[in-house]
Amino acid sequence: MNVLYIIMAVVSVLLFVYLGYALLKPEKF
C-alpha cells in the first residue's frame, strides 16, 4: 500500500465534495 497515494486520493475526494458543495450552495460564499 502506498500511503502517499491514499493521502492524495482522500484529498481529491474532499476537494471534489467541497467544490460540489460550493456549487450547490453559492450563497455560503
N, C-alpha and C. Protein backbone atom coordinates (compact mmCIF):
# COMPACT_ATOMS: atom_id res chain seq x y z
N MET A 1 0.85 -1.21 0.00
CA MET A 1 0.00 0.00 0.00
C MET A 1 0.88 1.25 0.00
N ASN A 2 0.55 2.17 -0.88
CA ASN A 2 1.32 3.42 -0.95
C ASN A 2 0.57 4.49 -0.17
N VAL A 3 1.14 4.91 0.94
CA VAL A 3 0.49 5.90 1.80
C VAL A 3 0.26 7.21 1.06
N LEU A 4 1.24 7.63 0.26
CA LEU A 4 1.10 8.89 -0.47
C LEU A 4 -0.09 8.85 -1.42
N TYR A 5 -0.26 7.69 -2.08
CA TYR A 5 -1.40 7.54 -3.00
C TYR A 5 -2.72 7.64 -2.25
N ILE A 6 -2.77 7.02 -1.07
CA ILE A 6 -4.00 7.06 -0.26
C ILE A 6 -4.30 8.49 0.16
N ILE A 7 -3.28 9.21 0.60
CA ILE A 7 -3.47 10.60 1.04
C ILE A 7 -3.98 11.46 -0.12
N MET A 8 -3.36 11.29 -1.27
CA MET A 8 -3.79 12.07 -2.45
C MET A 8 -5.23 11.74 -2.83
N ALA A 9 -5.60 10.47 -2.71
CA ALA A 9 -6.97 10.07 -3.04
C ALA A 9 -7.96 10.71 -2.08
N VAL A 10 -7.63 10.71 -0.80
CA VAL A 10 -8.52 11.30 0.21
C VAL A 10 -8.66 12.80 -0.04
N VAL A 11 -7.55 13.48 -0.30
CA VAL A 11 -7.58 14.92 -0.56
C VAL A 11 -8.42 15.21 -1.80
N SER A 12 -8.27 14.39 -2.83
CA SER A 12 -9.04 14.59 -4.06
C SER A 12 -10.54 14.48 -3.80
N VAL A 13 -10.92 13.47 -3.01
CA VAL A 13 -12.34 13.28 -2.70
C VAL A 13 -12.87 14.46 -1.89
N LEU A 14 -12.10 14.90 -0.89
CA LEU A 14 -12.54 16.02 -0.06
C LEU A 14 -12.67 17.28 -0.90
N LEU A 15 -11.72 17.51 -1.81
CA LEU A 15 -11.77 18.69 -2.67
C LEU A 15 -12.98 18.63 -3.59
N PHE A 16 -13.26 17.44 -4.13
CA PHE A 16 -14.41 17.27 -5.02
C PHE A 16 -15.71 17.57 -4.28
N VAL A 17 -15.83 17.07 -3.05
CA VAL A 17 -17.03 17.31 -2.25
C VAL A 17 -17.15 18.80 -1.93
N TYR A 18 -16.03 19.43 -1.59
CA TYR A 18 -16.04 20.86 -1.26
C TYR A 18 -16.48 21.70 -2.46
N LEU A 19 -15.94 21.37 -3.63
CA LEU A 19 -16.31 22.12 -4.83
C LEU A 19 -17.78 21.88 -5.17
N GLY A 20 -18.23 20.66 -5.01
CA GLY A 20 -19.63 20.34 -5.29
C GLY A 20 -20.55 21.10 -4.35
N TYR A 21 -20.17 21.17 -3.08
CA TYR A 21 -20.98 21.89 -2.11
C TYR A 21 -20.98 23.39 -2.42
N ALA A 22 -19.83 23.90 -2.86
CA ALA A 22 -19.73 25.32 -3.20
C ALA A 22 -20.65 25.65 -4.38
N LEU A 23 -20.75 24.73 -5.33
CA LEU A 23 -21.62 24.96 -6.49
C LEU A 23 -23.09 24.86 -6.10
N LEU A 24 -23.39 23.98 -5.15
CA LEU A 24 -24.79 23.82 -4.73
C LEU A 24 -25.21 24.91 -3.76
N LYS A 25 -24.25 25.45 -2.99
CA LYS A 25 -24.58 26.47 -2.00
C LYS A 25 -23.74 27.74 -2.22
N PRO A 26 -23.94 28.43 -3.36
CA PRO A 26 -23.14 29.63 -3.66
C PRO A 26 -23.37 30.76 -2.66
N GLU A 27 -24.50 30.74 -1.96
CA GLU A 27 -24.79 31.81 -1.01
C GLU A 27 -23.85 31.76 0.19
N LYS A 28 -23.20 30.61 0.39
CA LYS A 28 -22.26 30.49 1.50
C LYS A 28 -20.98 31.28 1.24
N PHE A 29 -20.77 31.65 -0.02
CA PHE A 29 -19.55 32.37 -0.38
C PHE A 29 -19.89 33.79 -0.80
